Amino acid sequence: MPISDWYWCSLSRQSPAVFVVDTGASGRTRLQRAEAPPVNVDYHAKYANRSCLSYLKHGNEPNQGPTVDLSLLRRLNKSQPRAAIDGLPATFVRQGDALFRGLCSLLLIATLGILLALVTRFPHYEMLSQLPKRVENQAMSWQVHHPLTPIPADLKDVGLNGWAASHVDKMELRLTVPLLGCLSGTGIWTVVIWTPIAAMLLFYLLALCGRDATGDTTAAAFFVIGFGATFFGSWGFNDFICGDAVAFALTLLSACCLRRPWLSGLCLLGAAFCDERSVIAAPLLLLYFIVRCAEPAEKTQRNQLLFAILGTIGVWVLLRWWLSATFHLAMGTSFLASWDTFRGHLIPQTLFSLVGIFRASWIIPVLAVRNLILHKDRMLATALVAAFGIAIVPAFLVVDLNRSICYSFMIFFISLRLLRHNANYLSNKYLAAIMLINILISPPSKTILRFLI
């Protein structure tokens, strides 16, 4: 039986007992009596982050063993201090345990993440009046009003429109966002309207997958709110051109559809037709399913999900070929994998840009790889690094490096899953510290305070 958490309970003040909570593949919570840990085990160090002290209630029926008040067991230990938790992060941990409870906890987490994303990187809404003049939005309007029709050549002319035309040059086979605009009638404002909507959905999905990966709502809250203060978290509200948040949300929705492989594949197909980088980052999604469904009982489900993702990639390739042959749509290669593009990233500013994409949250996959190496699971560590490398290497071959790196975000859910039972590497205290660092290093010139500077 897979063991997810230990709880130190007491049948009486003199009779301690250890119980384990098994959530299993069914998602139902069961308790089973277990052997007490050795006497020399430091209880506070080992169980501090997932322990609680409660008293068991004896059943009234004959031959019925002790029953447990699960609502009490789900609460973290408030009667004993947590080991090595002090300072400002500890305050956030204690307040988070009390705040992020209840049926609306995920909505609350998503709302706080969205608010932080808006505050730390306030969108330049004053530029909206200039958007109809931008060549990218004109091309989007053309796609919305003329579905499956090649974009006029003058909009793709780099000599006339500069770097912006290189983005337009690659838009003809990116059909998901124009389809949304066609169905909703949003026209030239399609990206401006649908991208923030997708970003709000993305934050809810981040909270949902974060709770699933960590097994704790408070940990998920610190992780997601910390993401709100990064470039990744705020990009969906600052992007008036590309519509990447739609691809992010569809990719994460694909990761959530564990029991419906066909729906998982369909969501990835939508993300792939938002941007080809969703397909390039697909190895991370495959690895996520391998780590998420690692139990022997989940083998069939895991294989179905992997087959669905691989099949979806094949369908995407065939559809692109058919669309190109039938409607004469094509993806240009201007500024793609050129020496000038690569040389443009060989500057110190690139390092600062890379750090700013996820800020202090980068420490999470680093800890996951280190943990795997220390536990001699080098195969999984190599697979994680390789999948991440495949996802980010193409970013150095295009001009827009930051938004390209964002497509590797699935590595964080893999890492959280791998660190789920290792409190020495990633406890709620550390997640709270990461959240605080992400918030505190936000440049004032990009926050909502820029109007006061």
Protein backbone atom coordinates (compact mmCIF):
# COMPACT_ATOMS: atom_id res chain seq x y z
CA MET A 1 0.00 0.00 0.00
CA PRO A 2 1.54 3.36 -0.96
CA ILE A 3 2.19 5.57 2.01
CA SER A 4 1.75 9.26 1.50
CA ASP A 5 2.01 10.77 4.98
CA TRP A 6 2.85 9.75 8.55
CA TYR A 7 0.78 10.95 11.47
CA TRP A 8 1.82 10.61 15.11
CA CYS A 9 -1.35 9.97 17.06
CA SER A 10 -2.22 8.85 20.53
CA LEU A 11 -4.79 6.39 21.83
CA SER A 12 -4.17 7.79 25.27
CA ARG A 13 -1.64 10.07 26.87
CA GLN A 14 0.59 7.10 27.67
CA SER A 15 -0.06 4.92 24.61
CA PRO A 16 1.39 6.39 21.40
CA ALA A 17 0.70 4.91 17.99
CA VAL A 18 1.70 5.68 14.43
CA PHE A 19 -0.84 5.71 11.62
CA VAL A 20 -0.28 6.14 7.89
CA VAL A 21 -2.65 7.80 5.48
CA ASP A 22 -3.10 6.08 2.14
CA THR A 23 -4.77 8.09 -0.61
CA GLY A 24 -4.06 5.44 -3.23
CA ALA A 25 -5.14 5.52 -6.87
CA SER A 26 -8.81 5.84 -5.96
CA GLY A 27 -8.24 9.14 -4.17
CA ARG A 28 -10.02 7.90 -1.02
CA THR A 29 -8.33 8.44 2.31
CA ARG A 30 -7.79 5.39 4.47
CA LEU A 31 -5.88 4.94 7.69
CA GLN A 32 -3.84 1.94 8.66
CA ARG A 33 -2.01 1.19 11.88
CA ALA A 34 1.74 1.03 11.39
CA GLU A 35 4.75 0.21 13.44
CA ALA A 36 6.15 3.03 15.53
CA PRO A 37 9.40 4.54 14.24
CA PRO A 38 12.62 3.57 16.00
CA VAL A 39 13.31 5.28 19.27
CA ASN A 40 16.41 7.03 17.93
CA VAL A 41 14.46 8.72 15.13
CA ASP A 42 14.21 12.45 15.63
CA TYR A 43 10.46 12.85 15.32
CA HIS A 44 10.44 16.59 14.82
CA ALA A 45 13.07 16.48 12.10
CA LYS A 46 11.44 13.68 10.15
CA TYR A 47 7.74 14.36 10.47
CA ALA A 48 7.59 18.07 11.22
CA ASN A 49 5.98 19.11 7.96
CA ARG A 50 3.28 16.49 7.68
CA SER A 51 2.40 15.59 11.25
CA CYS A 52 -0.45 16.29 13.58
CA LEU A 53 -1.29 15.41 17.14
CA SER A 54 -4.78 14.16 17.68
CA TYR A 55 -6.67 11.72 19.84
CA LEU A 56 -8.42 8.75 18.35
CA LYS A 57 -12.05 8.12 19.14
CA HIS A 58 -13.06 4.57 19.90
CA GLY A 59 -15.93 3.08 17.92
CA ASN A 60 -19.12 2.15 19.69
CA GLU A 61 -19.91 -1.03 17.77
CA PRO A 62 -18.59 -4.41 18.98
CA ASN A 63 -15.25 -5.54 17.55
CA GLN A 64 -14.80 -2.19 15.84
CA GLY A 65 -11.31 -0.80 16.00
CA PRO A 66 -10.41 2.80 16.72
CA THR A 67 -11.86 5.33 14.33
CA VAL A 68 -10.30 8.64 13.45
CA ASP A 69 -11.64 12.14 13.06
CA LEU A 70 -10.17 12.83 9.61
CA SER A 71 -10.92 16.54 9.83
CA LEU A 72 -8.52 16.71 12.75
CA LEU A 73 -5.93 14.58 11.02
CA ARG A 74 -5.88 16.89 8.04
CA ARG A 75 -4.85 19.77 10.26
CA LEU A 76 -1.19 20.27 10.84
CA ASN A 77 0.15 20.00 14.33
CA LYS A 78 -0.55 23.20 16.23
CA SER A 79 0.15 21.86 19.71
CA GLN A 80 3.82 21.10 19.02
CA PRO A 81 6.29 23.49 17.34
CA ARG A 82 7.65 22.52 13.94
CA ALA A 83 11.32 21.77 13.80
CA ALA A 84 13.62 24.40 12.35
CA ILE A 85 10.78 26.72 11.35
CA ASP A 86 11.29 30.27 12.44
CA GLY A 87 11.33 33.78 11.10
CA LEU A 88 9.11 35.37 8.49
CA PRO A 89 8.55 32.18 6.41
CA ALA A 90 7.27 30.45 9.55
CA THR A 91 4.69 33.20 9.99
CA PHE A 92 3.46 32.65 6.46
CA VAL A 93 3.32 28.89 7.04
CA ARG A 94 1.20 29.28 10.17
CA GLN A 95 -1.13 31.79 8.54
CA GLY A 96 -1.33 29.72 5.37
CA ASP A 97 -2.39 26.61 7.26
CA ALA A 98 -5.33 28.55 8.65
CA LEU A 99 -6.18 30.51 5.50
CA PHE A 100 -6.02 27.95 2.70
CA ARG A 101 -8.75 25.60 3.85
CA GLY A 102 -12.22 24.90 2.65
CA LEU A 103 -13.91 24.31 -0.65
CA CYS A 104 -12.83 27.64 -2.13
CA SER A 105 -9.14 27.34 -1.28
CA LEU A 106 -8.06 26.81 -4.89
CA LEU A 107 -10.03 29.84 -6.04
CA LEU A 108 -8.45 31.90 -3.27
CA ILE A 109 -4.97 30.74 -4.27
CA ALA A 110 -5.63 31.54 -7.93
CA THR A 111 -7.03 34.96 -7.04
CA LEU A 112 -4.00 35.87 -4.92
CA GLY A 113 -1.66 34.67 -7.65
CA ILE A 114 -3.49 36.77 -10.27
CA LEU A 115 -3.45 39.87 -8.08
CA LEU A 116 0.25 39.48 -7.41
CA ALA A 117 0.94 39.00 -11.12
CA LEU A 118 -0.87 42.25 -11.87
CA VAL A 119 0.79 44.20 -9.06
CA THR A 120 4.39 43.06 -9.59
CA ARG A 121 4.29 43.50 -13.37
CA PHE A 122 1.47 45.87 -14.14
CA PRO A 123 0.34 45.66 -17.79
CA HIS A 124 0.89 48.64 -20.07
CA TYR A 125 -2.77 49.22 -20.77
CA GLU A 126 -1.92 52.71 -22.00
CA MET A 127 -0.55 51.04 -25.14
CA LEU A 128 -3.84 49.40 -26.11
CA SER A 129 -4.77 52.32 -28.35
CA GLN A 130 -1.69 51.60 -30.48
CA LEU A 131 -2.41 47.90 -30.98
CA PRO A 132 -4.56 48.22 -34.12
CA LYS A 133 -1.53 49.76 -35.83
CA ARG A 134 0.78 46.86 -34.97
CA VAL A 135 1.43 44.44 -37.79
CA GLU A 136 0.99 41.39 -35.52
CA ASN A 137 -2.53 42.41 -34.55
CA GLN A 138 -3.39 43.22 -38.14
CA ALA A 139 -2.28 39.71 -39.10
CA MET A 140 -4.37 38.24 -36.27
CA SER A 141 -7.39 40.20 -37.49
CA TRP A 142 -6.81 38.80 -40.98
CA GLN A 143 -6.71 35.24 -39.63
CA VAL A 144 -9.89 35.80 -37.63
CA HIS A 145 -11.85 37.17 -40.58
CA HIS A 146 -10.26 34.95 -43.26
CA PRO A 147 -9.80 31.49 -41.68
CA LEU A 148 -7.36 29.12 -43.38
CA THR A 149 -6.21 31.84 -45.76
CA PRO A 150 -2.53 32.82 -46.19
CA ILE A 151 -1.58 36.08 -44.53
CA PRO A 152 -0.85 38.88 -47.06
CA ALA A 153 2.81 39.03 -48.04
CA ASP A 154 3.26 42.70 -47.12
CA LEU A 155 2.49 41.92 -43.46
CA LYS A 156 5.29 39.31 -43.47
CA ASP A 157 7.84 41.54 -45.15
CA VAL A 158 10.75 42.01 -42.74
CA GLY A 159 12.06 44.90 -44.81
CA LEU A 160 8.82 46.83 -44.30
CA ASN A 161 7.89 45.84 -40.75
CA GLY A 162 11.16 44.79 -39.10
CA TRP A 163 11.33 42.11 -36.41
CA ALA A 164 7.55 42.12 -35.91
CA ALA A 165 7.14 40.65 -39.39
CA SER A 166 9.19 37.59 -38.37
CA HIS A 167 6.48 36.73 -35.84
CA VAL A 168 3.77 37.22 -38.47
CA ASP A 169 5.80 34.98 -40.79
CA LYS A 170 5.19 32.06 -38.40
CA MET A 171 1.50 32.66 -37.61
CA GLU A 172 -0.28 30.93 -40.51
CA LEU A 173 -0.28 27.48 -38.90
CA ARG A 174 -1.01 28.76 -35.40
CA LEU A 175 -4.77 28.41 -35.61
CA THR A 176 -6.13 27.97 -32.07
CA VAL A 177 -6.22 31.65 -31.06
CA PRO A 178 -7.63 32.82 -34.44
CA LEU A 179 -10.30 30.13 -34.11
CA LEU A 180 -11.26 31.52 -30.69
CA GLY A 181 -11.45 34.98 -32.23
CA CYS A 182 -13.56 33.74 -35.13
CA LEU A 183 -16.03 31.99 -32.83
CA SER A 184 -16.24 34.91 -30.39
CA GLY A 185 -16.09 37.74 -32.92
CA THR A 186 -13.31 39.55 -31.05
CA GLY A 187 -11.43 40.47 -34.22
CA ILE A 188 -8.26 42.49 -33.78
CA TRP A 189 -8.68 42.35 -29.98
CA THR A 190 -8.62 38.54 -29.86
CA VAL A 191 -5.27 38.21 -28.07
CA VAL A 192 -6.01 41.13 -25.73
CA ILE A 193 -9.27 39.50 -24.61
CA TRP A 194 -8.53 35.79 -24.64
CA THR A 195 -5.03 35.81 -23.22
CA PRO A 196 -6.01 37.24 -19.78
CA ILE A 197 -8.94 34.82 -19.65
CA ALA A 198 -6.56 31.94 -20.31
CA ALA A 199 -4.13 33.35 -17.72
CA MET A 200 -6.85 33.32 -15.04
CA LEU A 201 -7.69 29.71 -15.92
CA LEU A 202 -3.99 28.94 -15.85
CA PHE A 203 -3.64 30.10 -12.25
CA TYR A 204 -6.51 27.89 -11.14
CA LEU A 205 -4.94 24.93 -12.94
CA LEU A 206 -1.58 25.77 -11.35
CA ALA A 207 -3.23 25.59 -7.93
CA LEU A 208 -4.97 22.32 -8.80
CA CYS A 209 -1.84 20.63 -10.15
CA GLY A 210 0.27 22.14 -7.38
CA ARG A 211 -1.93 20.61 -4.70
CA ASP A 212 -1.85 17.28 -6.51
CA ALA A 213 1.94 17.40 -6.79
CA THR A 214 2.66 18.46 -3.21
CA GLY A 215 -0.26 16.78 -1.45
CA ASP A 216 -0.78 19.95 0.59
CA THR A 217 -2.93 22.99 -0.16
CA THR A 218 -0.69 25.38 1.78
CA ALA A 219 2.39 24.25 -0.14
CA ALA A 220 0.50 24.67 -3.41
CA ALA A 221 -0.52 28.17 -2.34
CA PHE A 222 3.06 29.30 -1.70
CA PHE A 223 4.19 27.76 -4.99
CA VAL A 224 1.44 29.35 -7.10
CA ILE A 225 1.50 32.76 -5.42
CA GLY A 226 5.27 32.80 -5.83
CA PHE A 227 4.76 32.07 -9.53
CA GLY A 228 2.55 35.15 -9.73
CA ALA A 229 5.58 37.38 -9.11
CA THR A 230 7.58 35.88 -12.01
CA PHE A 231 7.71 36.70 -15.70
CA PHE A 232 5.83 33.47 -16.39
CA GLY A 233 3.00 34.35 -14.03
CA SER A 234 2.54 37.89 -15.34
CA TRP A 235 3.09 37.21 -19.04
CA GLY A 236 -0.53 36.28 -19.69
CA PHE A 237 -1.64 39.74 -18.57
CA ASN A 238 1.14 41.60 -20.40
CA ASP A 239 0.98 39.71 -23.68
CA PHE A 240 -1.04 41.65 -26.28
CA ILE A 241 0.52 39.92 -29.29
CA CYS A 242 1.24 36.18 -29.01
CA GLY A 243 -1.44 34.45 -26.92
CA ASP A 244 0.99 32.12 -25.13
CA ALA A 245 -1.22 31.85 -22.03
CA VAL A 246 -3.75 29.91 -24.13
CA ALA A 247 -1.06 27.33 -24.91
CA PHE A 248 0.06 27.20 -21.26
CA ALA A 249 -3.49 26.65 -20.01
CA LEU A 250 -4.21 23.94 -22.59
CA THR A 251 -0.94 22.15 -21.77
CA LEU A 252 -1.70 22.18 -18.05
CA LEU A 253 -5.28 21.08 -18.74
CA SER A 254 -3.80 18.17 -20.66
CA ALA A 255 -1.78 17.26 -17.56
CA CYS A 256 -4.96 17.37 -15.43
CA CYS A 257 -6.95 14.94 -17.62
CA LEU A 258 -5.46 11.83 -16.04
CA ARG A 259 -8.61 9.73 -16.37
CA ARG A 260 -9.46 10.84 -19.92
CA PRO A 261 -6.44 10.28 -22.19
CA TRP A 262 -8.37 11.32 -25.29
CA LEU A 263 -9.17 14.69 -23.71
CA SER A 264 -5.56 15.09 -22.62
CA GLY A 265 -4.45 14.57 -26.21
CA LEU A 266 -7.08 16.97 -27.52
CA CYS A 267 -5.91 19.72 -25.15
CA LEU A 268 -2.30 19.21 -26.24
CA LEU A 269 -3.41 19.41 -29.89
CA GLY A 270 -4.99 22.80 -29.17
CA ALA A 271 -1.78 23.94 -27.46
CA ALA A 272 0.30 22.69 -30.39
CA PHE A 273 -1.72 24.83 -32.81
CA CYS A 274 -1.14 27.81 -30.50
CA ASP A 275 2.61 27.48 -30.80
CA GLU A 276 5.02 24.75 -31.94
CA ARG A 277 6.95 25.14 -28.69
CA SER A 278 4.19 23.18 -26.92
CA VAL A 279 5.24 20.13 -28.95
CA ILE A 280 8.94 20.74 -28.34
CA ALA A 281 8.20 20.77 -24.58
CA ALA A 282 6.06 17.61 -24.81
CA PRO A 283 8.86 15.37 -23.38
CA LEU A 284 8.31 17.15 -20.05
CA LEU A 285 4.60 16.31 -20.23
CA LEU A 286 5.43 12.67 -20.98
CA LEU A 287 7.83 12.56 -18.04
CA TYR A 288 5.18 14.15 -15.82
CA PHE A 289 2.78 11.32 -16.58
CA ILE A 290 5.51 8.75 -15.89
CA VAL A 291 6.24 10.29 -12.48
CA ARG A 292 2.60 11.02 -11.65
CA CYS A 293 1.36 7.51 -12.46
CA ALA A 294 4.33 5.61 -11.06
CA GLU A 295 2.39 3.03 -9.03
CA PRO A 296 2.08 -0.48 -10.51
CA ALA A 297 -1.71 -0.21 -10.31
CA GLU A 298 -1.55 2.87 -12.54
CA LYS A 299 0.47 1.24 -15.31
CA THR A 300 -2.46 0.94 -17.71
CA GLN A 301 -3.50 4.54 -17.13
CA ARG A 302 0.07 5.72 -17.60
CA ASN A 303 0.47 3.83 -20.88
CA GLN A 304 -2.81 5.22 -22.19
CA LEU A 305 -1.73 8.77 -21.40
CA LEU A 306 1.67 8.31 -23.02
CA PHE A 307 0.07 6.80 -26.11
CA ALA A 308 -2.42 9.68 -26.27
CA ILE A 309 0.35 12.30 -26.16
CA LEU A 310 2.53 10.54 -28.72
CA GLY A 311 -0.48 9.95 -30.95
CA THR A 312 -1.46 13.61 -30.66
CA ILE A 313 1.98 14.70 -31.82
CA GLY A 314 1.63 12.42 -34.84
CA VAL A 315 -1.83 13.81 -35.60
CA TRP A 316 -0.48 17.37 -35.30
CA VAL A 317 2.28 16.64 -37.82
CA LEU A 318 -0.21 15.13 -40.29
CA LEU A 319 -2.65 18.00 -39.87
CA ARG A 320 0.06 20.57 -40.49
CA TRP A 321 1.08 18.75 -43.66
CA TRP A 322 -2.55 18.56 -44.83
CA LEU A 323 -3.22 22.24 -44.08
CA SER A 324 -0.05 23.24 -45.93
CA ALA A 325 -0.91 21.15 -48.96
CA THR A 326 -4.60 22.05 -49.09
CA PHE A 327 -4.72 25.71 -48.04
CA HIS A 328 -1.11 26.68 -48.88
CA LEU A 329 -0.36 27.71 -45.30
CA ALA A 330 3.29 27.80 -44.28
CA MET A 331 5.58 28.67 -41.39
CA GLY A 332 8.40 31.05 -42.27
CA THR A 333 11.95 30.86 -40.96
CA SER A 334 12.96 34.52 -40.73
CA PHE A 335 15.35 35.18 -37.81
CA LEU A 336 15.10 31.48 -36.95
CA ALA A 337 18.34 29.64 -36.01
CA SER A 338 20.47 32.40 -37.50
CA TRP A 339 23.91 33.35 -36.22
CA ASP A 340 22.75 36.89 -35.49
CA THR A 341 19.92 35.55 -33.32
CA PHE A 342 22.22 33.23 -31.38
CA ARG A 343 24.88 35.93 -30.97
CA GLY A 344 22.22 38.29 -29.66
CA HIS A 345 21.73 36.01 -26.66
CA LEU A 346 25.46 35.95 -25.79
CA ILE A 347 25.24 38.97 -23.53
CA PRO A 348 25.05 39.30 -19.70
CA GLN A 349 21.46 40.49 -19.94
CA THR A 350 20.44 37.01 -21.11
CA LEU A 351 21.41 35.53 -17.74
CA PHE A 352 19.27 38.07 -15.90
CA SER A 353 16.40 37.34 -18.28
CA LEU A 354 16.68 33.60 -17.63
CA VAL A 355 16.65 34.12 -13.86
CA GLY A 356 13.68 36.47 -14.05
CA ILE A 357 11.47 34.01 -15.92
CA PHE A 358 10.87 31.91 -12.78
CA ARG A 359 13.09 33.81 -10.31
CA ALA A 360 13.79 31.92 -7.07
CA SER A 361 11.46 29.11 -8.14
CA TRP A 362 14.33 27.79 -10.27
CA ILE A 363 15.68 26.21 -7.07
CA ILE A 364 12.86 23.63 -7.13
CA PRO A 365 14.05 21.61 -10.18
CA VAL A 366 17.65 22.01 -9.01
CA LEU A 367 16.75 20.39 -5.69
CA ALA A 368 14.83 17.66 -7.49
CA VAL A 369 17.84 16.73 -9.65
CA ARG A 370 20.15 16.84 -6.64
CA ASN A 371 17.79 14.62 -4.68
CA LEU A 372 17.66 12.08 -7.52
CA ILE A 373 21.44 12.00 -7.81
CA LEU A 374 21.89 11.52 -4.05
CA HIS A 375 19.42 8.64 -4.15
CA LYS A 376 21.33 7.17 -7.11
CA ASP A 377 18.36 7.46 -9.42
CA ARG A 378 20.56 8.73 -12.21
CA MET A 379 18.31 7.46 -14.99
CA LEU A 380 15.39 9.63 -13.88
CA ALA A 381 17.73 12.55 -13.21
CA THR A 382 19.14 12.23 -16.74
CA ALA A 383 15.63 11.99 -18.21
CA LEU A 384 14.56 15.13 -16.34
CA VAL A 385 17.58 17.14 -17.48
CA ALA A 386 17.26 15.85 -21.05
CA ALA A 387 13.55 16.67 -21.30
CA PHE A 388 14.21 20.14 -19.92
CA GLY A 389 17.09 20.63 -22.34
CA ILE A 390 14.92 19.67 -25.30
CA ALA A 391 12.31 22.18 -24.14
CA ILE A 392 14.67 25.15 -23.76
CA VAL A 393 17.37 24.71 -26.40
CA PRO A 394 15.14 26.04 -29.23
CA ALA A 395 14.66 29.21 -27.17
CA PHE A 396 18.22 30.24 -28.05
CA LEU A 397 17.43 29.89 -31.75
CA VAL A 398 14.67 32.52 -31.75
CA VAL A 399 14.55 36.18 -30.81
CA ASP A 400 11.92 35.94 -28.07
CA LEU A 401 13.88 33.85 -25.57
CA ASN A 402 11.84 34.64 -22.44
CA ARG A 403 8.48 33.46 -23.70
CA SER A 404 10.13 30.38 -25.23
CA ILE A 405 11.61 29.31 -21.89
CA CYS A 406 8.15 29.65 -20.32
CA TYR A 407 7.01 26.55 -22.23
CA SER A 408 9.23 24.43 -19.95
CA PHE A 409 7.05 25.14 -16.89
CA MET A 410 5.99 21.47 -16.52
CA ILE A 411 9.39 20.73 -14.98
CA PHE A 412 8.18 22.34 -11.76
CA PHE A 413 5.31 19.90 -11.30
CA ILE A 414 7.62 16.97 -11.98
CA SER A 415 10.07 18.35 -9.41
CA LEU A 416 7.39 18.98 -6.79
CA ARG A 417 6.16 15.43 -7.26
CA LEU A 418 9.67 14.04 -6.83
CA LEU A 419 10.24 16.11 -3.67
CA ARG A 420 6.80 15.44 -2.24
CA HIS A 421 7.95 13.20 0.63
CA ASN A 422 11.30 14.82 1.30
CA ALA A 423 10.72 17.65 3.75
CA ASN A 424 14.47 18.11 4.19
CA TYR A 425 14.63 19.40 0.62
CA LEU A 426 11.36 21.26 0.14
CA SER A 427 9.13 22.05 3.09
CA ASN A 428 6.40 24.65 3.32
CA LYS A 429 8.93 26.94 4.95
CA TYR A 430 11.17 26.82 1.89
CA LEU A 431 8.25 27.37 -0.48
CA ALA A 432 7.20 30.38 1.59
CA ALA A 433 10.76 31.73 1.42
CA ILE A 434 10.80 31.28 -2.37
CA MET A 435 7.50 33.15 -2.60
CA LEU A 436 8.85 36.03 -0.52
CA ILE A 437 12.04 36.27 -2.58
CA ASN A 438 10.06 36.34 -5.82
CA ILE A 439 7.95 39.20 -4.47
CA LEU A 440 10.78 41.22 -2.92
CA ILE A 441 13.04 41.22 -5.99
CA SER A 442 10.31 42.66 -8.24
CA PRO A 443 11.72 45.82 -9.87
CA PRO A 444 9.62 48.84 -8.77
CA SER A 445 9.76 50.20 -12.33
CA LYS A 446 7.65 47.26 -13.51
CA THR A 447 5.20 47.09 -10.64
CA ILE A 448 2.05 49.10 -10.20
CA LEU A 449 4.25 51.63 -8.33
CA ARG A 450 5.77 52.77 -11.63
CA PHE A 451 3.09 55.46 -11.83
CA LEU A 452 4.58 56.99 -8.67
CA ILE A 453 8.19 56.88 -9.81
